[in-house]
Amino acid sequence: MRKIQFIILLLLLIISGCSNSSETNLYDEKDILQLTSNNKSTIVSRDMDLLNKSDKVATSSTPFTQVKAFIPNDEYIQYEKVLGEEFLYLKIPKNKSFISGKVKYENNTKEKMVIQTLFLQGNKNAQIKTSDSSSWKPAMIYDIPPYSSVTINLDIKWDVDEMQELTFFPIDQTSNMNRYNGGSLSNYRFFVQSKNISMDKQLINDQSFTLDQKELSNQQNFFPIPTWIGSDKKESKLVDKNNKLMTEEEVEGIKLAAIPYKTKVDVLLIDEFGNTSVLAEKIDIHENKPTFVHIEPNKIKEMYENKSRKFIFIFNNREKEILADLKTLDIKKKPFATSYQGVIEFYDTKK
């Protein structure tokens, strides 16, 4: 029998803490799917199923109070055994052009949650619809009342010729200002097998590295966490102006924290409506050195002129490399899994 605690762990990775190509058509607010409890694909209750199981897979000095999770339907679920445990990934059945599942929000607080949810297939927006609808949208928004659980049955459009990975990004419109700081668990990425793959020896070798116990204990960062930089590659200082985060000066790019292994990263810009743009691809990350990613001035100007919320995604281990990362861990050729999908929000500049 599948080990349920590891399925739960996967779902709770999106748990909120305690208390150079772009889309051809630009989406905006009018394109967002506005859902209410009256929708036939929506179930509202007071059952906190995932929160009630959270203490079995995570510990915290204060109780977890919110969950945002995507739960694929059983027909899409596959497992890869890693060090005796099971890692969930997805496989598209033949003749399917979408992934079906449930988005589940749990809110065990006295304040409402407003969540605007996006999905990506690789670097592009993956359109969604509720299971009772035929109208595809780039994103959906839902207000989750206090002390309630909301389950939404939906389909995610899938193109078998595009990248084999799915990213779930629930934007919490009611979270604290610094929620999307690169280090928090703000999104989750699945490997999705929708065509044949092979794992050659070189792929495993590329994922392999060793660290002794002393090196492990001295590490400050295991993932290339991003921070904004301004002129002279200095980290940008964030300031609070009228309860809104801003940078003291205009940014020019991002700095990725030094990590103890080699990898490559892609840098993606996405806004709250699902418009995407690839800023950089296959940037080499070298061991124990910070990496600086310059963003073209024209793109920075565009980002400041567009007043929607915008986020930078940092992805490594693309597509089957997600699976290769786990296989390498399983045969003990690396000390920990290294697949990372960080998010950092773009802020206006203080004037």
Protein backbone atom coordinates (compact mmCIF):
# COMPACT_ATOMS: atom_id res chain seq x y z
CA MET A 1 0.00 0.00 0.00
CA ARG A 2 1.25 3.46 -0.85
CA LYS A 3 2.64 5.32 2.12
CA ILE A 4 0.05 7.97 2.77
CA GLN A 5 2.29 10.16 4.90
CA PHE A 6 4.50 10.90 1.91
CA ILE A 7 1.52 11.82 -0.24
CA ILE A 8 0.54 14.22 2.52
CA LEU A 9 4.07 15.57 2.69
CA LEU A 10 3.90 16.35 -1.01
CA LEU A 11 0.62 18.16 -0.58
CA LEU A 12 1.87 20.14 2.39
CA LEU A 13 4.92 21.46 0.59
CA ILE A 14 2.70 24.38 -0.35
CA ILE A 15 1.64 24.93 3.25
CA SER A 16 1.52 28.53 4.42
CA GLY A 17 3.46 29.22 7.58
CA CYS A 18 1.80 29.63 10.80
CA SER A 19 -0.56 32.44 11.12
CA ASN A 20 13.46 35.44 -24.27
CA SER A 21 9.92 34.47 -25.49
CA SER A 22 6.65 35.72 -24.10
CA GLU A 23 2.97 34.92 -24.37
CA THR A 24 1.48 36.32 -27.58
CA ASN A 25 -1.75 37.48 -25.94
CA LEU A 26 -1.47 39.47 -22.74
CA TYR A 27 -3.88 38.36 -20.03
CA ASP A 28 -5.36 40.86 -17.60
CA GLU A 29 -7.92 40.99 -14.81
CA LYS A 30 -10.89 40.39 -17.10
CA ASP A 31 -9.45 36.99 -18.08
CA ILE A 32 -9.34 35.65 -14.51
CA LEU A 33 -11.82 32.95 -13.51
CA GLN A 34 -13.83 34.42 -10.61
CA LEU A 35 -15.16 31.54 -8.54
CA THR A 36 -17.72 31.42 -5.73
CA SER A 37 -19.21 28.68 -3.58
CA ASN A 38 -22.15 28.51 -6.00
CA ASN A 39 -19.97 26.88 -8.65
CA LYS A 40 -20.81 23.19 -9.16
CA SER A 41 -17.13 22.23 -9.07
CA THR A 42 -16.57 23.87 -5.68
CA ILE A 43 -17.07 22.25 -2.28
CA VAL A 44 -16.93 24.34 0.92
CA SER A 45 -16.77 22.73 4.36
CA ARG A 46 -15.16 23.05 7.78
CA ASP A 47 -13.13 19.83 7.45
CA MET A 48 -9.40 20.61 7.78
CA ASP A 49 -8.22 17.26 6.41
CA LEU A 50 -4.67 18.29 5.50
CA LEU A 51 -4.09 20.52 8.50
CA ASN A 52 -5.17 17.70 10.80
CA LYS A 53 -2.45 15.48 9.28
CA SER A 54 0.27 18.13 9.15
CA ASP A 55 1.88 17.18 12.48
CA LYS A 56 2.75 13.75 11.03
CA VAL A 57 5.02 15.21 8.36
CA ALA A 58 6.21 18.55 9.72
CA THR A 59 7.02 20.14 13.05
CA SER A 60 6.57 23.74 14.11
CA SER A 61 6.70 25.74 17.33
CA THR A 62 3.25 27.11 16.46
CA PRO A 63 0.45 25.25 14.68
CA PHE A 64 0.06 25.37 10.92
CA THR A 65 -3.04 27.35 10.03
CA GLN A 66 -3.30 27.41 6.23
CA VAL A 67 -2.87 25.03 3.31
CA LYS A 68 -2.79 25.57 -0.45
CA ALA A 69 -2.39 22.29 -2.34
CA PHE A 70 -2.92 20.71 -5.73
CA ILE A 71 -3.97 17.03 -5.60
CA PRO A 72 -3.90 15.22 -8.97
CA ASN A 73 -6.49 12.55 -9.69
CA ASP A 74 -5.33 8.96 -9.18
CA GLU A 75 -5.15 8.11 -12.88
CA TYR A 76 -2.24 10.56 -13.30
CA ILE A 77 -0.21 9.54 -10.25
CA GLN A 78 3.04 7.56 -10.46
CA TYR A 79 5.75 6.92 -7.87
CA GLU A 80 9.52 6.83 -7.89
CA LYS A 81 11.07 5.02 -4.93
CA VAL A 82 13.81 7.09 -3.29
CA LEU A 83 15.77 5.67 -0.35
CA GLY A 84 12.88 3.33 0.42
CA GLU A 85 10.21 6.01 0.27
CA GLU A 86 7.88 7.05 -2.54
CA PHE A 87 8.06 10.29 -4.51
CA LEU A 88 5.02 11.28 -6.49
CA TYR A 89 5.17 12.39 -10.11
CA LEU A 90 2.58 12.50 -12.90
CA LYS A 91 2.07 10.58 -16.13
CA ILE A 92 -0.41 11.60 -18.82
CA PRO A 93 -2.66 8.71 -19.94
CA LYS A 94 -2.86 8.12 -23.68
CA ASN A 95 -5.31 10.34 -25.56
CA LYS A 96 -5.50 12.85 -22.67
CA SER A 97 -4.94 16.54 -23.33
CA PHE A 98 -5.43 17.75 -19.78
CA ILE A 99 -4.59 16.91 -16.15
CA SER A 100 -7.52 16.62 -13.75
CA GLY A 101 -7.30 17.14 -10.03
CA LYS A 102 -8.33 19.25 -7.07
CA VAL A 103 -7.07 22.51 -5.65
CA LYS A 104 -7.57 22.50 -1.92
CA TYR A 105 -7.37 25.51 0.38
CA GLU A 106 -7.70 25.26 4.16
CA ASN A 107 -7.98 28.37 6.31
CA ASN A 108 -8.00 27.84 10.07
CA THR A 109 -7.73 31.55 10.93
CA LYS A 110 -10.15 34.37 11.70
CA GLU A 111 -9.18 36.28 8.54
CA LYS A 112 -10.23 35.39 5.00
CA MET A 113 -7.67 34.21 2.43
CA VAL A 114 -7.74 35.52 -1.15
CA ILE A 115 -5.82 33.16 -3.44
CA GLN A 116 -5.14 33.74 -7.14
CA THR A 117 -3.93 30.44 -8.59
CA LEU A 118 -1.77 29.90 -11.68
CA PHE A 119 -0.29 26.80 -13.29
CA LEU A 120 2.70 26.61 -15.63
CA GLN A 121 3.71 23.96 -18.13
CA GLY A 122 7.44 24.57 -18.20
CA ASN A 123 7.86 28.29 -18.89
CA LYS A 124 4.36 28.93 -20.20
CA ASN A 125 0.98 29.50 -18.64
CA ALA A 126 -1.14 26.34 -18.48
CA GLN A 127 -4.79 27.26 -18.87
CA ILE A 128 -7.35 25.85 -16.46
CA LYS A 129 -11.09 25.34 -16.19
CA THR A 130 -13.45 23.93 -13.58
CA SER A 131 -14.52 20.36 -14.27
CA ASP A 132 -18.09 21.43 -15.10
CA SER A 133 -17.00 24.08 -17.63
CA SER A 134 -15.64 24.24 -21.18
CA SER A 135 -14.12 27.73 -20.82
CA TRP A 136 -10.33 27.81 -20.34
CA LYS A 137 -8.74 30.62 -18.29
CA PRO A 138 -5.14 31.59 -17.40
CA ALA A 139 -5.80 31.86 -13.65
CA MET A 140 -8.53 31.70 -11.03
CA ILE A 141 -9.27 33.59 -7.83
CA TYR A 142 -11.17 32.52 -4.74
CA ASP A 143 -11.97 34.07 -1.35
CA ILE A 144 -11.62 31.43 1.38
CA PRO A 145 -13.72 32.38 4.44
CA PRO A 146 -12.30 32.08 7.97
CA TYR A 147 -12.28 28.57 9.46
CA SER A 148 -13.21 26.87 6.21
CA SER A 149 -11.93 24.40 3.65
CA VAL A 150 -12.47 24.82 -0.11
CA THR A 151 -12.01 22.11 -2.74
CA ILE A 152 -12.18 23.01 -6.44
CA ASN A 153 -12.30 20.31 -9.12
CA LEU A 154 -10.43 21.47 -12.20
CA ASP A 155 -8.67 20.50 -15.42
CA ILE A 156 -5.28 21.81 -16.59
CA LYS A 157 -4.70 22.00 -20.35
CA TRP A 158 -1.65 19.98 -21.40
CA ASP A 159 0.44 20.08 -24.59
CA VAL A 160 2.41 16.84 -25.05
CA ASP A 161 4.92 18.68 -27.27
CA GLU A 162 5.85 21.19 -24.57
CA MET A 163 7.95 20.79 -21.41
CA GLN A 164 7.29 17.85 -19.07
CA GLU A 165 6.79 19.72 -15.81
CA LEU A 166 3.87 21.35 -14.05
CA THR A 167 4.20 24.21 -11.56
CA PHE A 168 1.42 25.07 -9.12
CA PHE A 169 1.60 28.72 -7.96
CA PRO A 170 -1.08 29.94 -5.54
CA ILE A 171 -0.58 33.69 -5.06
CA ASP A 172 -1.76 34.61 -1.58
CA GLN A 173 -3.17 38.13 -1.93
CA THR A 174 -3.65 38.39 1.85
CA SER A 175 -0.20 37.23 3.03
CA ASN A 176 2.49 39.38 4.60
CA MET A 177 4.40 41.76 2.33
CA ASN A 178 7.59 39.70 2.15
CA ARG A 179 5.90 36.34 1.48
CA TYR A 180 7.59 35.84 -1.90
CA ASN A 181 11.22 36.32 -0.87
CA GLY A 182 12.86 33.40 -2.68
CA GLY A 183 13.20 31.26 0.41
CA SER A 184 9.62 30.38 1.32
CA LEU A 185 7.66 27.39 0.00
CA SER A 186 5.42 29.35 -2.35
CA ASN A 187 4.99 26.94 -5.24
CA TYR A 188 5.42 23.29 -6.13
CA ARG A 189 6.69 21.63 -9.32
CA PHE A 190 5.80 18.14 -10.57
CA PHE A 191 7.66 16.11 -13.17
CA VAL A 192 5.03 15.10 -15.75
CA GLN A 193 5.81 12.25 -18.12
CA SER A 194 3.93 12.88 -21.34
CA LYS A 195 6.44 11.32 -23.76
CA ASN A 196 9.19 8.70 -23.63
CA ILE A 197 12.25 9.52 -21.51
CA SER A 198 15.62 7.90 -20.94
CA MET A 199 18.08 8.22 -18.05
CA ASP A 200 21.62 7.93 -19.41
CA LYS A 201 24.78 7.68 -17.34
CA GLN A 202 25.82 11.25 -18.16
CA LEU A 203 22.58 12.65 -16.74
CA ILE A 204 23.26 10.89 -13.43
CA ASN A 205 26.91 11.99 -13.44
CA ASP A 206 25.85 15.60 -13.97
CA GLN A 207 23.69 15.38 -10.85
CA SER A 208 26.35 13.74 -8.65
CA PHE A 209 28.44 15.45 -5.97
CA THR A 210 29.75 14.70 -2.47
CA LEU A 211 30.04 16.66 0.75
CA ASP A 212 31.51 15.46 4.02
CA GLN A 213 29.76 16.02 7.32
CA LYS A 214 31.80 19.12 8.15
CA GLU A 215 31.02 20.71 4.80
CA LEU A 216 27.33 19.92 5.25
CA SER A 217 27.20 21.45 8.71
CA ASN A 218 28.95 24.63 7.52
CA GLN A 219 26.61 25.27 4.60
CA GLN A 220 24.36 28.32 4.85
CA ASN A 221 22.41 27.73 1.62
CA PHE A 222 21.52 24.50 -0.13
CA PHE A 223 19.57 26.25 -2.91
CA PRO A 224 20.33 29.32 -5.08
CA ILE A 225 17.97 31.66 -3.23
CA PRO A 226 17.54 34.96 -5.13
CA THR A 227 17.83 38.53 -3.85
CA TRP A 228 17.46 41.77 -5.81
CA ILE A 229 20.57 43.78 -6.67
CA GLY A 230 21.05 47.36 -7.76
CA SER A 231 24.13 49.15 -9.05
CA ASP A 232 27.57 47.62 -8.35
CA LYS A 233 25.86 44.27 -7.63
CA LYS A 234 24.87 45.46 -4.15
CA GLU A 235 21.82 43.83 -2.60
CA SER A 236 18.79 46.12 -2.74
CA LYS A 237 17.40 47.26 0.57
CA LEU A 238 13.65 46.80 1.05
CA VAL A 239 11.69 49.53 2.80
CA ASP A 240 8.11 49.73 4.05
CA LYS A 241 6.24 52.72 2.64
CA ASN A 242 2.57 53.06 3.60
CA ASN A 243 2.42 49.34 4.40
CA LYS A 244 3.88 48.46 1.00
CA LEU A 245 7.31 46.99 0.33
CA MET A 246 9.58 48.90 -2.06
CA THR A 247 13.26 48.99 -2.95
CA GLU A 248 15.35 52.04 -2.14
CA GLU A 249 16.75 52.18 -5.70
CA GLU A 250 15.90 50.62 -9.02
CA VAL A 251 17.05 47.04 -9.37
CA GLU A 252 19.28 45.79 -12.18
CA GLY A 253 19.14 42.05 -11.66
CA ILE A 254 19.29 39.29 -9.08
CA LYS A 255 21.95 37.61 -6.99
CA LEU A 256 21.73 33.85 -6.43
CA ALA A 257 23.15 32.60 -3.15
CA ALA A 258 26.32 30.50 -3.20
CA ILE A 259 25.63 26.76 -3.01
CA PRO A 260 27.97 23.75 -2.64
CA TYR A 261 27.31 22.11 -6.03
CA LYS A 262 27.10 22.91 -9.74
CA THR A 263 23.79 23.35 -11.49
CA LYS A 264 22.14 25.41 -14.23
CA VAL A 265 19.16 27.70 -13.74
CA ASP A 266 16.51 29.34 -15.90
CA VAL A 267 15.04 32.71 -14.90
CA LEU A 268 11.39 33.36 -15.69
CA LEU A 269 9.25 36.48 -15.24
CA ILE A 270 5.54 35.89 -14.57
CA ASP A 271 2.80 38.29 -13.58
CA GLU A 272 -0.30 37.66 -11.48
CA PHE A 273 -2.43 37.05 -14.59
CA GLY A 274 -0.21 34.36 -16.08
CA ASN A 275 1.84 36.29 -18.65
CA THR A 276 5.37 34.86 -18.85
CA SER A 277 8.72 35.85 -20.28
CA VAL A 278 12.03 33.95 -20.18
CA LEU A 279 14.75 36.30 -18.91
CA ALA A 280 17.69 33.85 -18.96
CA GLU A 281 18.32 30.18 -19.65
CA LYS A 282 20.97 27.66 -18.58
CA ILE A 283 22.88 30.06 -16.35
CA ASP A 284 25.86 28.19 -14.87
CA ILE A 285 26.00 28.05 -11.09
CA HIS A 286 29.49 27.23 -9.78
CA GLU A 287 30.22 25.74 -6.37
CA ASN A 288 30.51 28.12 -3.42
CA LYS A 289 30.24 31.29 -5.49
CA PRO A 290 27.30 33.69 -5.71
CA THR A 291 25.85 34.14 -9.20
CA PHE A 292 24.72 37.49 -10.60
CA VAL A 293 22.04 37.60 -13.29
CA HIS A 294 21.76 40.90 -15.15
CA ILE A 295 18.33 41.81 -16.56
CA GLU A 296 18.24 43.88 -19.75
CA PRO A 297 17.44 47.57 -19.04
CA ASN A 298 14.51 47.58 -21.49
CA LYS A 299 12.98 44.64 -19.65
CA ILE A 300 13.50 46.35 -16.29
CA LYS A 301 11.79 49.45 -17.70
CA GLU A 302 8.84 47.30 -18.84
CA MET A 303 8.60 45.73 -15.40
CA TYR A 304 8.41 49.11 -13.69
CA GLU A 305 5.83 50.44 -16.17
CA ASN A 306 3.51 47.42 -15.82
CA LYS A 307 1.66 47.85 -12.51
CA SER A 308 0.50 44.23 -12.09
CA ARG A 309 2.20 42.09 -9.46
CA LYS A 310 5.26 40.41 -10.95
CA PHE A 311 7.45 37.54 -9.81
CA ILE A 312 10.80 36.08 -10.80
CA PHE A 313 11.01 32.27 -10.83
CA ILE A 314 14.33 30.46 -10.53
CA PHE A 315 14.22 26.90 -11.90
CA ASN A 316 16.95 24.28 -12.00
CA ASN A 317 16.70 20.56 -12.91
CA ARG A 318 14.24 20.98 -15.74
CA GLU A 319 11.91 18.18 -16.91
CA LYS A 320 13.50 14.71 -16.59
CA GLU A 321 16.34 16.21 -14.55
CA ILE A 322 13.82 16.35 -11.68
CA LEU A 323 13.61 12.56 -11.85
CA ALA A 324 17.38 12.21 -12.39
CA ASP A 325 17.93 14.27 -9.23
CA LEU A 326 15.92 11.70 -7.25
CA LYS A 327 17.57 8.68 -8.89
CA THR A 328 20.99 10.12 -8.07
CA LEU A 329 19.93 10.61 -4.46
CA ASP A 330 18.58 7.07 -4.32
CA ILE A 331 21.91 5.54 -5.37
CA LYS A 332 23.67 7.82 -2.85
CA LYS A 333 25.65 9.84 -5.37
CA LYS A 334 24.47 13.11 -3.81
CA PRO A 335 23.71 14.01 -0.17
CA PHE A 336 20.34 15.70 -0.75
CA ALA A 337 17.87 16.47 -3.52
CA THR A 338 18.64 19.72 -5.34
CA SER A 339 15.56 20.50 -7.45
CA TYR A 340 14.52 24.09 -6.69
CA GLN A 341 11.84 26.49 -7.82
CA GLY A 342 12.24 29.78 -6.01
CA VAL A 343 9.99 32.84 -6.25
CA ILE A 344 10.88 36.45 -5.52
CA GLU A 345 8.47 39.35 -6.00
CA PHE A 346 9.33 42.46 -8.00
CA TYR A 347 8.66 45.71 -6.11
CA ASP A 348 8.31 49.35 -7.11
CA THR A 349 11.10 51.77 -6.15
CA LYS A 350 10.70 54.29 -3.37
CA LYS A 351 10.27 57.82 -4.72
